[in-house]
């Protein structure tokens, strides 16, 4: 191999190497941008998780209150049935 061919190969290699360096810089910038984006998404997800935890606590309280209402309603239903049984004999029947 003569010196001219070696110089051509070296120049070609340098051009290819510079192109690779530019591509690598682009990849690094892309990774950095993605990392920043992921950090923002993670922050937003953390806030959503906190809000969801608060909603779950509130829902638990609503469920407890609803169970109390159901118990009260069951008691009222029983009392209504007792009252109805006491009143029914006092109402004259008109179907005869």
N, C-alpha and C. Protein backbone atom coordinates (compact mmCIF):
# COMPACT_ATOMS: atom_id res chain seq x y z
N UNK A 1 0.85 -1.15 0.00
CA UNK A 1 0.00 0.00 0.00
C UNK A 1 0.91 1.23 0.00
N UNK A 2 0.63 2.15 -0.91
CA UNK A 2 1.46 3.34 -0.99
C UNK A 2 0.94 4.40 -0.03
N UNK A 3 1.71 5.49 0.12
CA UNK A 3 1.37 6.53 1.09
C UNK A 3 0.11 7.28 0.67
N UNK A 4 -0.15 7.39 -0.63
CA UNK A 4 -1.35 8.08 -1.10
C UNK A 4 -2.60 7.29 -0.73
N UNK A 5 -2.57 5.98 -0.91
CA UNK A 5 -3.69 5.12 -0.55
C UNK A 5 -3.92 5.15 0.96
N UNK A 6 -2.85 5.12 1.73
CA UNK A 6 -2.96 5.17 3.19
C UNK A 6 -3.58 6.50 3.61
N UNK A 7 -3.19 7.59 2.95
CA UNK A 7 -3.74 8.91 3.28
C UNK A 7 -5.22 8.96 2.92
N UNK A 8 -5.61 8.37 1.78
CA UNK A 8 -7.03 8.32 1.40
C UNK A 8 -7.84 7.53 2.41
N UNK A 9 -7.30 6.40 2.83
CA UNK A 9 -7.99 5.56 3.82
C UNK A 9 -8.13 6.33 5.13
N UNK A 10 -7.07 7.03 5.53
CA UNK A 10 -7.09 7.79 6.79
C UNK A 10 -8.14 8.91 6.70
N UNK A 11 -8.18 9.63 5.56
CA UNK A 11 -9.18 10.70 5.38
C UNK A 11 -10.59 10.12 5.43
N UNK A 12 -10.78 9.01 4.73
CA UNK A 12 -12.11 8.37 4.72
C UNK A 12 -12.50 7.94 6.14
N UNK A 13 -11.55 7.36 6.85
CA UNK A 13 -11.81 6.94 8.22
C UNK A 13 -12.18 8.14 9.08
N UNK A 14 -11.45 9.26 8.93
CA UNK A 14 -11.73 10.46 9.71
C UNK A 14 -13.12 11.02 9.40
N UNK A 15 -13.52 10.97 8.13
CA UNK A 15 -14.86 11.44 7.76
C UNK A 15 -15.92 10.55 8.40
N UNK A 16 -15.71 9.25 8.32
CA UNK A 16 -16.66 8.31 8.93
C UNK A 16 -16.70 8.51 10.45
N UNK A 17 -15.53 8.66 11.07
CA UNK A 17 -15.46 8.85 12.52
C UNK A 17 -16.19 10.13 12.93
N UNK A 18 -16.00 11.22 12.17
CA UNK A 18 -16.68 12.48 12.50
C UNK A 18 -18.19 12.32 12.36
N UNK A 19 -18.65 11.59 11.35
CA UNK A 19 -20.07 11.32 11.20
C UNK A 19 -20.61 10.53 12.39
N UNK A 20 -19.83 9.55 12.84
CA UNK A 20 -20.25 8.76 14.01
C UNK A 20 -20.32 9.63 15.26
N UNK A 21 -19.32 10.52 15.41
CA UNK A 21 -19.34 11.42 16.57
C UNK A 21 -20.61 12.28 16.56
N UNK A 22 -20.96 12.79 15.40
CA UNK A 22 -22.17 13.61 15.29
C UNK A 22 -23.41 12.79 15.63
N UNK A 23 -23.46 11.57 15.13
CA UNK A 23 -24.61 10.69 15.43
C UNK A 23 -24.68 10.38 16.92
N UNK A 24 -23.52 10.14 17.52
CA UNK A 24 -23.47 9.82 18.96
C UNK A 24 -23.95 11.03 19.76
N UNK A 25 -23.53 12.25 19.36
CA UNK A 25 -23.99 13.46 20.05
C UNK A 25 -25.52 13.58 19.96
N UNK A 26 -26.06 13.28 18.79
CA UNK A 26 -27.53 13.33 18.63
C UNK A 26 -28.23 12.33 19.54
N UNK A 27 -27.67 11.14 19.62
CA UNK A 27 -28.25 10.11 20.51
C UNK A 27 -28.19 10.58 21.96
N UNK A 28 -27.06 11.14 22.35
CA UNK A 28 -26.91 11.63 23.74
C UNK A 28 -27.94 12.72 24.03
N UNK A 29 -28.11 13.66 23.09
CA UNK A 29 -29.10 14.72 23.28
C UNK A 29 -30.51 14.14 23.37
N UNK A 30 -30.80 13.14 22.54
CA UNK A 30 -32.11 12.50 22.58
C UNK A 30 -32.37 11.79 23.90
N UNK A 31 -31.35 11.10 24.39
CA UNK A 31 -31.49 10.40 25.68
C UNK A 31 -31.70 11.42 26.80
N UNK A 32 -30.96 12.53 26.75
CA UNK A 32 -31.12 13.56 27.78
C UNK A 32 -32.53 14.15 27.74
N UNK A 33 -33.03 14.41 26.54
CA UNK A 33 -34.39 14.95 26.41
C UNK A 33 -35.41 13.95 26.93
N UNK A 34 -35.23 12.67 26.60
CA UNK A 34 -36.16 11.64 27.08
C UNK A 34 -36.10 11.52 28.60
N UNK A 35 -34.91 11.64 29.15
CA UNK A 35 -34.75 11.55 30.61
C UNK A 35 -35.50 12.70 31.28
N UNK A 36 -35.35 13.90 30.73
CA UNK A 36 -36.07 15.05 31.29
C UNK A 36 -37.58 14.84 31.19
N UNK A 37 -38.02 14.35 30.05
CA UNK A 37 -39.45 14.10 29.87
C UNK A 37 -39.96 13.04 30.85
N UNK A 38 -39.19 11.99 31.04
CA UNK A 38 -39.59 10.94 31.97
C UNK A 38 -39.64 11.46 33.41
N UNK A 39 -38.71 12.34 33.76
CA UNK A 39 -38.72 12.91 35.10
C UNK A 39 -39.97 13.76 35.32
N UNK A 40 -40.38 14.51 34.29
CA UNK A 40 -41.62 15.30 34.40
C UNK A 40 -42.84 14.38 34.54
N UNK A 41 -42.86 13.33 33.76
CA UNK A 41 -43.98 12.38 33.85
C UNK A 41 -44.00 11.72 35.23
N UNK A 42 -42.84 11.36 35.74
CA UNK A 42 -42.77 10.74 37.06
C UNK A 42 -43.29 11.69 38.14
N UNK A 43 -42.94 12.96 38.02
CA UNK A 43 -43.42 13.95 38.97
C UNK A 43 -44.94 14.06 38.91
N UNK A 44 -45.47 14.11 37.69
CA UNK A 44 -46.93 14.18 37.54
C UNK A 44 -47.60 12.92 38.10
N UNK A 45 -47.02 11.77 37.85
CA UNK A 45 -47.59 10.52 38.37
C UNK A 45 -47.56 10.50 39.90
N UNK A 46 -46.50 11.05 40.48
CA UNK A 46 -46.44 11.13 41.94
C UNK A 46 -47.59 11.98 42.47
N UNK A 47 -47.86 13.12 41.79
CA UNK A 47 -48.97 13.97 42.22
C UNK A 47 -50.31 13.26 42.05
N UNK A 48 -50.46 12.54 40.95
CA UNK A 48 -51.71 11.78 40.73
C UNK A 48 -51.87 10.71 41.80
N UNK A 49 -50.78 10.06 42.16
CA UNK A 49 -50.84 9.01 43.19
C UNK A 49 -51.27 9.60 44.53
N UNK A 50 -50.75 10.78 44.86
CA UNK A 50 -51.14 11.44 46.11
C UNK A 50 -52.63 11.77 46.09
N UNK A 51 -53.10 12.31 44.95
CA UNK A 51 -54.52 12.64 44.85
C UNK A 51 -55.38 11.39 44.93
N UNK A 52 -54.93 10.31 44.31
CA UNK A 52 -55.68 9.06 44.35
C UNK A 52 -55.74 8.52 45.78
N UNK A 53 -54.65 8.63 46.51
CA UNK A 53 -54.67 8.20 47.91
C UNK A 53 -55.70 9.00 48.70
N UNK A 54 -55.76 10.31 48.46
CA UNK A 54 -56.75 11.14 49.15
C UNK A 54 -58.16 10.73 48.79
N UNK A 55 -58.40 10.44 47.52
CA UNK A 55 -59.72 10.01 47.07
C UNK A 55 -60.09 8.69 47.73
N UNK A 56 -59.13 7.78 47.83
CA UNK A 56 -59.40 6.49 48.48
C UNK A 56 -59.79 6.68 49.94
N UNK A 57 -59.12 7.59 50.63
CA UNK A 57 -59.44 7.86 52.04
C UNK A 57 -60.86 8.42 52.13
N UNK A 58 -61.19 9.36 51.25
CA UNK A 58 -62.53 9.93 51.26
C UNK A 58 -63.57 8.87 50.93
N UNK A 59 -63.28 8.00 49.97
CA UNK A 59 -64.21 6.94 49.61
C UNK A 59 -64.42 5.98 50.77
N UNK A 60 -63.36 5.68 51.50
CA UNK A 60 -63.51 4.82 52.68
C UNK A 60 -64.46 5.46 53.69
N UNK A 61 -64.32 6.78 53.88
CA UNK A 61 -65.22 7.47 54.81
C UNK A 61 -66.66 7.43 54.32
N UNK A 62 -66.86 7.61 53.02
CA UNK A 62 -68.21 7.56 52.44
C UNK A 62 -68.80 6.17 52.63
N UNK A 63 -67.99 5.13 52.43
CA UNK A 63 -68.49 3.76 52.61
C UNK A 63 -68.93 3.53 54.05
N UNK A 64 -68.16 4.04 55.00
CA UNK A 64 -68.53 3.88 56.42
C UNK A 64 -69.85 4.60 56.69
N UNK A 65 -69.97 5.82 56.16
CA UNK A 65 -71.22 6.57 56.36
C UNK A 65 -72.39 5.85 55.70
N UNK A 66 -72.19 5.30 54.51
CA UNK A 66 -73.25 4.59 53.80
C UNK A 66 -73.68 3.35 54.58
N UNK A 67 -72.72 2.65 55.15
CA UNK A 67 -73.08 1.49 55.97
C UNK A 67 -73.95 1.92 57.15
N UNK A 68 -73.63 3.07 57.74
CA UNK A 68 -74.44 3.59 58.84
C UNK A 68 -75.85 3.92 58.38
N UNK A 69 -75.95 4.52 57.21
CA UNK A 69 -77.27 4.84 56.66
C UNK A 69 -78.06 3.56 56.40
N UNK A 70 -77.39 2.54 55.87
CA UNK A 70 -78.06 1.27 55.62
C UNK A 70 -78.59 0.66 56.91
N UNK A 71 -77.81 0.74 57.97
CA UNK A 71 -78.24 0.21 59.27
C UNK A 71 -79.47 0.99 59.75
N UNK A 72 -79.39 2.33 59.64
CA UNK A 72 -80.53 3.14 60.07
C UNK A 72 -81.77 2.84 59.23
N UNK A 73 -81.58 2.70 57.94
CA UNK A 73 -82.71 2.41 57.06
C UNK A 73 -83.32 1.05 57.40
N UNK A 74 -82.48 0.07 57.70
CA UNK A 74 -83.00 -1.23 58.10
C UNK A 74 -83.82 -1.14 59.37
N UNK A 75 -83.36 -0.34 60.32
CA UNK A 75 -84.11 -0.13 61.56
C UNK A 75 -85.44 0.56 61.30
N UNK A 76 -85.41 1.56 60.41
CA UNK A 76 -86.65 2.27 60.08
C UNK A 76 -87.63 1.35 59.37
N UNK A 77 -87.10 0.49 58.52
CA UNK A 77 -87.97 -0.45 57.81
C UNK A 77 -88.65 -1.39 58.80
N UNK A 78 -87.89 -1.86 59.78
CA UNK A 78 -88.46 -2.75 60.79
C UNK A 78 -89.53 -2.02 61.60
N UNK A 79 -89.24 -0.77 61.99
CA UNK A 79 -90.22 0.01 62.74
C UNK A 79 -91.47 0.26 61.91
N UNK A 80 -91.29 0.54 60.62
CA UNK A 80 -92.44 0.77 59.74
C UNK A 80 -93.29 -0.49 59.66
N UNK A 81 -92.62 -1.64 59.55
CA UNK A 81 -93.37 -2.90 59.50
C UNK A 81 -94.16 -3.13 60.77
N UNK A 82 -93.57 -2.81 61.91
CA UNK A 82 -94.28 -2.97 63.19
C UNK A 82 -95.47 -2.02 63.26
N UNK A 83 -95.25 -0.78 62.84
CA UNK A 83 -96.34 0.22 62.87
C UNK A 83 -97.46 -0.21 61.93
N UNK A 84 -97.10 -0.69 60.77
CA UNK A 84 -98.09 -1.13 59.79
C UNK A 84 -98.91 -2.29 60.36
N UNK A 85 -98.23 -3.21 61.04
CA UNK A 85 -98.95 -4.35 61.64
C UNK A 85 -99.90 -3.89 62.72
N UNK A 86 -99.54 -2.82 63.45
CA UNK A 86 -100.41 -2.33 64.51
C UNK A 86 -101.59 -1.54 63.94
N UNK A 87 -101.38 -0.83 62.83
CA UNK A 87 -102.43 0.01 62.25
C UNK A 87 -103.41 -0.80 61.41
N UNK A 88 -102.95 -1.81 60.75
CA UNK A 88 -103.79 -2.58 59.83
C UNK A 88 -105.08 -3.07 60.49
N UNK A 89 -105.06 -3.62 61.68
CA UNK A 89 -106.33 -4.10 62.28
C UNK A 89 -107.30 -2.96 62.58
N UNK A 90 -106.80 -1.75 62.67
CA UNK A 90 -107.68 -0.62 62.99
C UNK A 90 -108.40 -0.06 61.77
N UNK A 91 -107.95 -0.42 60.58
CA UNK A 91 -108.56 0.09 59.35
C UNK A 91 -109.68 -0.87 58.93
N UNK A 92 -110.91 -0.32 58.78
CA UNK A 92 -112.01 -1.20 58.37
C UNK A 92 -111.82 -1.67 56.95
N UNK A 93 -112.17 -2.90 56.70
CA UNK A 93 -112.05 -3.50 55.36
C UNK A 93 -113.30 -3.15 54.58
N UNK A 94 -113.13 -2.79 53.33
CA UNK A 94 -114.26 -2.40 52.49
C UNK A 94 -114.48 -3.37 51.34
N UNK A 95 -113.79 -4.46 51.33
CA UNK A 95 -113.88 -5.41 50.21
C UNK A 95 -115.01 -6.42 50.38
N UNK A 96 -115.77 -6.38 51.45
CA UNK A 96 -116.80 -7.39 51.66
C UNK A 96 -118.12 -7.03 51.10
